[in-house]
Amino acid sequence: MSKSLWSGNRPKNDTEAKLRLCEAALECIKRNGFEKATMSDIAKEAGVARPTLYKHFKSKNEIFFAAIDTVAFIFAESVVDHGKKFATVEERIIEIIIFTVAELPQHRYLSLVLDNECASILRDRAFSDDATLVFLQMVAAPIIEIRPDLEDQGIDIAEIMARFAMSMIQFPGRYSTDHEGLRSLVKKRILPGLI
């Protein structure tokens, strides 16, 4: 007997269906790697037939991008929430960078963006698509909240922060466990160029 559609737990709407398919895709990619994960694997993980998967997503790249964007949006919300705990724009910039450096590599799915295979797929769209613009606007908001005069530069500031954080994640050197040293570096070398 064949497995019932959605493993007997149908989603309430298309949004929930897409979210569940995205999670299934991330699970498959995390387990098998991007190249080895197939649309059939993703459909099986989600408990649906392939036509159901193709109704929502045309390709593995499309579902991967949607899935990464979904978890990145949630992560960006946590970055913003963390940043808002601090009183000054300088503290917000420093602590947003530290939070990102500490938390992104530990994230269940966003850690995939650090994997060479997935990173190469994402590289062409990094910092150049609509989703990235939304994330940068989100990260800029707590900075602009304190310093409205930085509104025109907010996206650029957030992009530099994100690029610096990704660099520190990829090549941490002595800062892999020295967050106080990283705070000092950001305060001394990054902040003056940002604000």
Protein backbone atom coordinates (compact mmCIF):
# COMPACT_ATOMS: atom_id res chain seq x y z
CA MET A 1 0.00 0.00 0.00
CA SER A 2 1.36 3.44 -0.86
CA LYS A 3 2.08 6.15 1.66
CA SER A 4 -0.82 8.56 2.06
CA LEU A 5 -0.44 12.12 0.84
CA TRP A 6 1.45 14.30 3.38
CA SER A 7 1.83 11.19 5.54
CA GLY A 8 -1.81 11.60 6.54
CA ASN A 9 -1.24 15.13 7.90
CA ARG A 10 -2.36 17.52 5.16
CA PRO A 11 -1.27 21.16 5.45
CA LYS A 12 -3.95 23.77 6.10
CA ASN A 13 -2.94 25.94 3.13
CA ASP A 14 -0.34 26.46 0.39
CA THR A 15 1.93 28.47 2.69
CA GLU A 16 2.12 25.63 5.20
CA ALA A 17 2.64 23.16 2.35
CA LYS A 18 5.58 25.17 1.01
CA LEU A 19 7.12 25.48 4.47
CA ARG A 20 6.91 21.74 5.02
CA LEU A 21 8.39 21.05 1.60
CA CYS A 22 11.21 23.51 2.33
CA GLU A 23 12.00 21.79 5.61
CA ALA A 24 12.00 18.42 3.87
CA ALA A 25 14.41 19.81 1.27
CA LEU A 26 16.76 21.14 3.93
CA GLU A 27 16.70 17.81 5.77
CA CYS A 28 17.55 15.93 2.57
CA ILE A 29 20.31 18.36 1.62
CA LYS A 30 21.75 18.29 5.14
CA ARG A 31 21.75 14.49 5.13
CA ASN A 32 22.84 13.79 1.53
CA GLY A 33 24.48 16.98 0.27
CA PHE A 34 23.03 19.22 -2.42
CA GLU A 35 24.17 17.22 -5.45
CA LYS A 36 22.97 13.86 -4.14
CA ALA A 37 19.61 15.07 -2.82
CA THR A 38 16.90 14.63 -5.44
CA MET A 39 13.39 15.94 -5.89
CA SER A 40 12.23 12.35 -5.29
CA ASP A 41 14.10 12.32 -1.95
CA ILE A 42 12.48 15.61 -0.97
CA ALA A 43 9.00 14.38 -1.91
CA LYS A 44 9.55 11.17 0.05
CA GLU A 45 10.83 13.13 3.09
CA ALA A 46 7.71 15.33 2.97
CA GLY A 47 5.39 12.35 2.48
CA VAL A 48 4.08 13.49 -0.89
CA ALA A 49 4.18 12.36 -4.48
CA ARG A 50 6.58 14.12 -6.85
CA PRO A 51 3.74 15.90 -8.73
CA THR A 52 2.72 17.54 -5.44
CA LEU A 53 6.28 18.78 -4.94
CA TYR A 54 6.47 20.04 -8.54
CA LYS A 55 3.15 21.84 -8.06
CA HIS A 56 4.96 24.14 -5.61
CA PHE A 57 8.57 24.11 -6.83
CA LYS A 58 9.94 23.58 -10.33
CA SER A 59 13.48 22.56 -9.37
CA LYS A 60 15.80 21.63 -6.56
CA ASN A 61 17.49 25.04 -6.82
CA GLU A 62 14.14 26.81 -6.48
CA ILE A 63 13.13 24.87 -3.37
CA PHE A 64 16.62 25.24 -1.87
CA PHE A 65 16.59 29.02 -2.35
CA ALA A 66 13.08 29.26 -0.89
CA ALA A 67 14.07 27.11 2.07
CA ILE A 68 17.26 29.05 2.81
CA ASP A 69 15.39 32.35 2.46
CA THR A 70 12.76 31.16 4.93
CA VAL A 71 15.23 30.15 7.63
CA ALA A 72 17.41 33.21 6.93
CA PHE A 73 14.40 35.47 7.48
CA ILE A 74 13.73 33.85 10.86
CA PHE A 75 17.42 34.12 11.73
CA ALA A 76 17.44 37.80 10.69
CA GLU A 77 14.53 38.40 13.07
CA SER A 78 16.59 36.91 15.91
CA VAL A 79 19.56 39.09 14.92
CA VAL A 80 17.36 42.20 15.04
CA ASP A 81 15.83 41.18 18.39
CA HIS A 82 19.31 40.67 19.80
CA GLY A 83 20.57 44.00 18.46
CA LYS A 84 17.67 45.92 19.98
CA LYS A 85 18.82 44.87 23.47
CA PHE A 86 21.64 47.40 23.26
CA ALA A 87 21.36 51.14 23.83
CA THR A 88 23.87 52.68 21.44
CA VAL A 89 24.36 52.33 17.71
CA GLU A 90 27.96 51.24 18.33
CA GLU A 91 26.86 48.48 20.70
CA ARG A 92 24.17 47.36 18.28
CA ILE A 93 26.62 47.05 15.40
CA ILE A 94 29.20 45.20 17.48
CA GLU A 95 26.71 42.84 19.11
CA ILE A 96 24.87 42.08 15.87
CA ILE A 97 28.18 41.03 14.31
CA ILE A 98 29.18 38.94 17.36
CA PHE A 99 25.75 37.30 17.50
CA THR A 100 25.91 36.40 13.81
CA VAL A 101 29.45 35.02 14.09
CA ALA A 102 28.50 32.93 17.13
CA GLU A 103 25.05 31.71 16.11
CA LEU A 104 24.96 31.24 12.33
CA PRO A 105 27.43 28.31 12.25
CA GLN A 106 25.36 26.57 14.95
CA HIS A 107 22.05 26.97 13.11
CA ARG A 108 20.53 23.65 12.06
CA TYR A 109 20.06 24.69 8.43
CA LEU A 110 21.86 27.97 7.85
CA SER A 111 25.11 26.16 8.56
CA LEU A 112 24.53 24.67 5.09
CA VAL A 113 25.52 28.00 3.55
CA LEU A 114 29.00 27.38 4.92
CA ASP A 115 29.26 24.01 3.16
CA ASN A 116 31.34 24.37 -0.01
CA GLU A 117 28.76 22.64 -2.18
CA CYS A 118 25.84 24.79 -1.00
CA ALA A 119 27.93 27.95 -0.79
CA SER A 120 28.87 27.66 -4.45
CA ILE A 121 25.18 27.46 -5.39
CA LEU A 122 24.32 30.49 -3.28
CA ARG A 123 27.39 32.55 -4.21
CA ASP A 124 25.93 33.98 -7.43
CA ARG A 125 22.87 35.37 -5.70
CA ALA A 126 24.52 36.48 -2.46
CA PHE A 127 24.07 40.21 -1.82
CA SER A 128 22.32 40.68 -5.15
CA ASP A 129 18.76 39.36 -4.84
CA ASP A 130 15.53 40.66 -3.33
CA ALA A 131 15.73 38.34 -0.32
CA THR A 132 19.15 39.69 0.62
CA LEU A 133 17.83 43.24 0.36
CA VAL A 134 15.04 42.38 2.81
CA PHE A 135 17.53 40.86 5.27
CA LEU A 136 19.83 43.88 5.01
CA GLN A 137 16.90 46.25 5.60
CA MET A 138 15.95 44.22 8.67
CA VAL A 139 19.47 44.36 10.10
CA ALA A 140 19.76 48.08 9.33
CA ALA A 141 16.51 48.90 11.17
CA PRO A 142 17.89 48.79 14.75
CA ILE A 143 20.77 51.02 13.68
CA ILE A 144 18.52 53.54 11.93
CA GLU A 145 16.16 53.46 14.91
CA ILE A 146 18.88 55.13 16.99
CA ARG A 147 20.53 57.09 14.20
CA PRO A 148 17.92 58.18 11.63
CA ASP A 149 20.63 60.19 9.88
CA LEU A 150 22.10 56.85 8.72
CA GLU A 151 18.95 55.82 6.83
CA ASP A 152 20.47 56.44 3.38
CA GLN A 153 23.49 54.35 4.33
CA GLY A 154 21.66 51.63 6.30
CA ILE A 155 21.74 48.97 3.60
CA ASP A 156 25.45 49.56 2.93
CA ILE A 157 26.25 49.42 6.65
CA ALA A 158 24.28 46.19 7.08
CA GLU A 159 25.97 44.66 4.03
CA ILE A 160 29.45 45.47 5.35
CA MET A 161 28.46 44.01 8.73
CA ALA A 162 27.17 40.84 7.06
CA ARG A 163 30.23 40.48 4.83
CA PHE A 164 32.55 40.99 7.79
CA ALA A 165 30.61 38.46 9.91
CA MET A 166 30.70 35.88 7.10
CA SER A 167 34.43 36.45 6.70
CA MET A 168 34.96 35.88 10.41
CA ILE A 169 32.85 32.72 10.27
CA GLN A 170 34.75 31.33 7.29
CA PHE A 171 38.22 32.39 8.49
CA PRO A 172 38.05 32.97 12.25
CA GLY A 173 41.73 32.65 13.04
CA ARG A 174 42.39 33.64 16.62
CA TYR A 175 38.81 34.93 16.99
CA SER A 176 37.18 31.50 16.77
CA THR A 177 36.68 31.53 20.55
CA ASP A 178 37.86 35.05 21.46
CA HIS A 179 34.69 37.12 21.19
CA GLU A 180 36.11 39.84 23.41
CA GLY A 181 39.02 40.19 20.98
CA LEU A 182 36.56 40.27 18.09
CA ARG A 183 34.53 42.99 19.86
CA SER A 184 37.73 45.00 20.22
CA LEU A 185 38.61 44.49 16.55
CA VAL A 186 35.15 45.60 15.39
CA LYS A 187 35.21 48.63 17.68
CA LYS A 188 38.69 49.69 16.60
CA ARG A 189 38.72 48.81 12.89
CA ILE A 190 35.16 48.35 11.58
CA LEU A 191 33.05 50.93 13.44
CA PRO A 192 35.04 53.98 12.27
CA GLY A 193 34.33 53.06 8.65
CA LEU A 194 30.62 52.44 9.24
CA ILE A 195 29.40 55.43 11.24
